[in-house]
Protein backbone atom coordinates (compact mmCIF):
# COMPACT_ATOMS: atom_id res chain seq x y z
CA LEU A 1 -7.92 3.31 0.90
CA LEU A 2 -10.35 1.14 2.80
CA LYS A 3 -12.39 2.39 5.77
CA ARG A 4 -10.81 -0.09 8.20
CA VAL A 5 -7.82 -2.44 8.35
CA VAL A 6 -8.46 -5.99 7.09
CA GLY A 7 -7.41 -8.99 9.21
CA LEU A 8 -7.86 -7.63 12.73
CA THR A 9 -10.58 -8.50 15.24
CA GLU A 10 -10.94 -4.87 16.30
CA ASP A 11 -12.04 -2.09 13.95
CA ILE A 12 -9.05 0.17 13.31
CA PRO A 13 -9.66 2.99 10.82
CA VAL A 14 -7.13 3.40 8.00
CA GLU A 15 -5.11 6.62 8.19
CA ASN A 16 -3.79 8.38 5.10
CA VAL A 17 -0.40 7.32 3.72
CA LYS A 18 2.50 9.32 5.19
CA THR A 19 5.83 10.35 3.64
CA ASN A 20 8.73 7.93 4.41
CA GLU A 21 6.30 5.18 5.46
CA PRO A 22 7.11 1.63 4.26
CA LEU A 23 4.30 -0.10 2.35
CA MET A 24 4.03 -3.52 0.76
CA LEU A 25 2.66 -3.43 -2.78
CA SER A 26 1.32 -6.48 -4.62
CA ALA A 27 0.61 -6.39 -8.36
CA GLY A 28 -0.51 -9.76 -9.71
CA THR A 29 1.96 -12.28 -8.30
CA ALA A 30 4.73 -9.71 -7.76
CA THR A 31 5.21 -8.32 -4.25
CA THR A 32 7.68 -5.66 -3.15
CA VAL A 33 8.23 -3.15 -0.37
CA GLY A 34 8.44 0.55 -1.12
CA ILE A 35 8.95 3.82 0.72
CA VAL A 36 6.42 6.62 0.20
CA LYS A 37 8.21 9.61 -1.32
CA SER A 38 5.12 11.83 -1.43
CA GLY A 39 1.71 10.95 -0.05
CA ARG A 40 -1.40 12.96 -0.86
CA GLU A 41 -5.12 12.47 -0.29
CA GLU A 42 -5.79 10.63 -3.56
CA SER A 43 -2.33 9.57 -4.76
CA ALA A 44 1.14 8.59 -3.60
CA GLU A 45 4.57 8.27 -5.17
CA VAL A 46 6.44 5.20 -3.93
CA SER A 47 10.11 4.27 -4.40
CA LEU A 48 10.30 0.47 -4.75
CA LYS A 49 13.14 -1.58 -3.23
CA ILE A 50 12.74 -4.25 -5.94
CA PRO A 51 11.14 -3.17 -9.24
CA ILE A 52 8.06 -5.00 -10.48
CA CYS A 53 6.53 -5.30 -13.93
CA ALA A 54 3.01 -3.86 -14.02
CA THR A 55 0.92 -2.31 -16.76
CA LYS A 56 -0.72 1.10 -16.64
CA GLY A 57 -4.20 0.79 -15.17
CA GLN A 58 -3.40 -2.41 -13.23
CA ARG A 59 -4.68 -2.66 -9.66
CA ILE A 60 -2.27 -3.15 -6.80
CA ALA A 61 -2.93 -4.16 -3.19
CA ILE A 62 -1.49 -1.84 -0.53
CA SER A 63 -0.50 -3.20 2.90
CA ARG A 64 0.84 -1.45 6.00
CA ARG A 65 2.81 -2.94 8.90
CA ILE A 66 0.44 -3.04 11.90
CA ALA A 67 1.28 -4.92 15.12
CA GLY A 68 4.27 -6.58 13.43
CA LYS A 69 2.30 -7.98 10.46
CA TRP A 70 1.42 -6.69 7.00
CA ARG A 71 -2.27 -5.77 6.89
CA LEU A 72 -4.31 -4.84 3.82
CA ILE A 73 -5.30 -1.16 3.94
CA GLY A 74 -6.45 -0.54 0.38
CA TYR A 75 -5.76 -0.77 -3.31
CA GLY A 76 -4.48 1.53 -5.99
CA ILE A 77 -4.22 1.82 -9.75
CA ILE A 78 -0.90 2.19 -11.61
CA ASP A 79 -0.76 5.58 -13.31
């Protein structure tokens, strides 16, 4: 995860991912929303509402809903 949220004028630190939290995941041109089933310090398991096609090792952008808009909070790698 990044140190602070991207796209805001104020510096808001990024908190760790929580269980049952909705996240938007973008892999290449595919974008979907998922619910975190288990969130840990270095990894998370997410249940996707719409499946996407991604290869192992591909980077994905992770966004969180902040103040009614999706804001970039970090990136991950498909495992």
